[in-house]
């Protein structure tokens, strides 16, 4: 439940990238092409989203 409350607080891009990666099972290269960024940037955004969610869920 804490995760469900933490998700809406993320910036738009940090919500979109994990959804595309985990829910729609797209590869970083494909996500990057869709968002017009590099696959490396997609990985960075994904890592930041995970770190932010982890910190938020642990602190609650």
C-alpha atoms as a PDB file:
ATOM      1  CA  UNK A   1       0.000   0.000   0.000  1.00  0.00           C
ATOM      2  CA  UNK A   2       2.865   2.387   0.731  1.00  0.00           C
ATOM      3  CA  UNK A   3       4.144   1.854  -2.794  1.00  0.00           C
ATOM      4  CA  UNK A   4       0.760   2.783  -4.244  1.00  0.00           C
ATOM      5  CA  UNK A   5       0.887   6.067  -2.335  1.00  0.00           C
ATOM      6  CA  UNK A   6       4.500   6.772  -3.352  1.00  0.00           C
ATOM      7  CA  UNK A   7       3.989   6.304  -7.111  1.00  0.00           C
ATOM      8  CA  UNK A   8       1.877   9.420  -7.772  1.00  0.00           C
ATOM      9  CA  UNK A   9       4.526  11.582  -6.104  1.00  0.00           C
ATOM     10  CA  UNK A  10       7.124  10.697  -8.752  1.00  0.00           C
ATOM     11  CA  UNK A  11       7.812  13.094 -11.629  1.00  0.00           C
ATOM     12  CA  UNK A  12       6.067  12.136 -14.878  1.00  0.00           C
ATOM     13  CA  UNK A  13       9.136  10.652 -16.563  1.00  0.00           C
ATOM     14  CA  UNK A  14       9.975   8.602 -13.469  1.00  0.00           C
ATOM     15  CA  UNK A  15       6.473   7.128 -13.561  1.00  0.00           C
ATOM     16  CA  UNK A  16       6.496   6.493 -17.283  1.00  0.00           C
ATOM     17  CA  UNK A  17       9.823   4.669 -17.640  1.00  0.00           C
ATOM     18  CA  UNK A  18       9.182   1.947 -15.027  1.00  0.00           C
ATOM     19  CA  UNK A  19       5.694   1.399 -16.440  1.00  0.00           C
ATOM     20  CA  UNK A  20       7.071   0.924 -19.930  1.00  0.00           C
ATOM     21  CA  UNK A  21       9.858  -1.315 -18.655  1.00  0.00           C
ATOM     22  CA  UNK A  22       8.035  -3.505 -16.144  1.00  0.00           C
ATOM     23  CA  UNK A  23       4.378  -3.420 -17.176  1.00  0.00           C
ATOM     24  CA  UNK A  24       4.731  -3.208 -20.951  1.00  0.00           C
ATOM     25  CA  UNK A  25       8.050  -5.128 -20.872  1.00  0.00           C
ATOM     26  CA  UNK A  26       9.845  -2.817 -23.284  1.00  0.00           C
ATOM     27  CA  UNK A  27      13.627  -2.739 -23.477  1.00  0.00           C
ATOM     28  CA  UNK A  28      15.528   0.438 -22.582  1.00  0.00           C
ATOM     29  CA  UNK A  29      16.491   0.873 -26.232  1.00  0.00           C
ATOM     30  CA  UNK A  30      12.839   0.798 -27.298  1.00  0.00           C
ATOM     31  CA  UNK A  31      11.760   3.104 -24.471  1.00  0.00           C
ATOM     32  CA  UNK A  32      14.542   5.500 -25.429  1.00  0.00           C
ATOM     33  CA  UNK A  33      13.414   5.570 -29.034  1.00  0.00           C
ATOM     34  CA  UNK A  34       9.857   6.299 -27.935  1.00  0.00           C
ATOM     35  CA  UNK A  35      10.915   9.087 -25.548  1.00  0.00           C
ATOM     36  CA  UNK A  36      13.691  10.377 -27.810  1.00  0.00           C
ATOM     37  CA  UNK A  37      16.472   9.763 -25.275  1.00  0.00           C
ATOM     38  CA  UNK A  38      19.334   7.267 -25.142  1.00  0.00           C
ATOM     39  CA  UNK A  39      18.987   3.815 -23.608  1.00  0.00           C
ATOM     40  CA  UNK A  40      21.552   4.939 -21.049  1.00  0.00           C
ATOM     41  CA  UNK A  41      19.302   7.820 -20.003  1.00  0.00           C
ATOM     42  CA  UNK A  42      16.368   5.421 -19.697  1.00  0.00           C
ATOM     43  CA  UNK A  43      18.433   3.278 -17.306  1.00  0.00           C
ATOM     44  CA  UNK A  44      19.355   6.355 -15.282  1.00  0.00           C
ATOM     45  CA  UNK A  45      15.712   7.432 -14.974  1.00  0.00           C
ATOM     46  CA  UNK A  46      14.665   3.895 -14.054  1.00  0.00           C
ATOM     47  CA  UNK A  47      17.356   3.677 -11.369  1.00  0.00           C
ATOM     48  CA  UNK A  48      16.366   7.066  -9.936  1.00  0.00           C
ATOM     49  CA  UNK A  49      12.693   6.058  -9.835  1.00  0.00           C
ATOM     50  CA  UNK A  50      13.534   2.827  -8.010  1.00  0.00           C
ATOM     51  CA  UNK A  51      15.807   4.626  -5.546  1.00  0.00           C
ATOM     52  CA  UNK A  52      13.174   7.297  -4.876  1.00  0.00           C
ATOM     53  CA  UNK A  53      10.425   4.728  -4.353  1.00  0.00           C
ATOM     54  CA  UNK A  54      12.631   2.637  -2.079  1.00  0.00           C
ATOM     55  CA  UNK A  55      13.545   5.651   0.050  1.00  0.00           C
ATOM     56  CA  UNK A  56       9.936   6.789   0.240  1.00  0.00           C
ATOM     57  CA  UNK A  57       8.561   3.370   1.173  1.00  0.00           C
ATOM     58  CA  UNK A  58      11.255   2.770   3.812  1.00  0.00           C
ATOM     59  CA  UNK A  59      10.793   6.181   5.425  1.00  0.00           C
ATOM     60  CA  UNK A  60       6.996   5.889   5.717  1.00  0.00           C
END
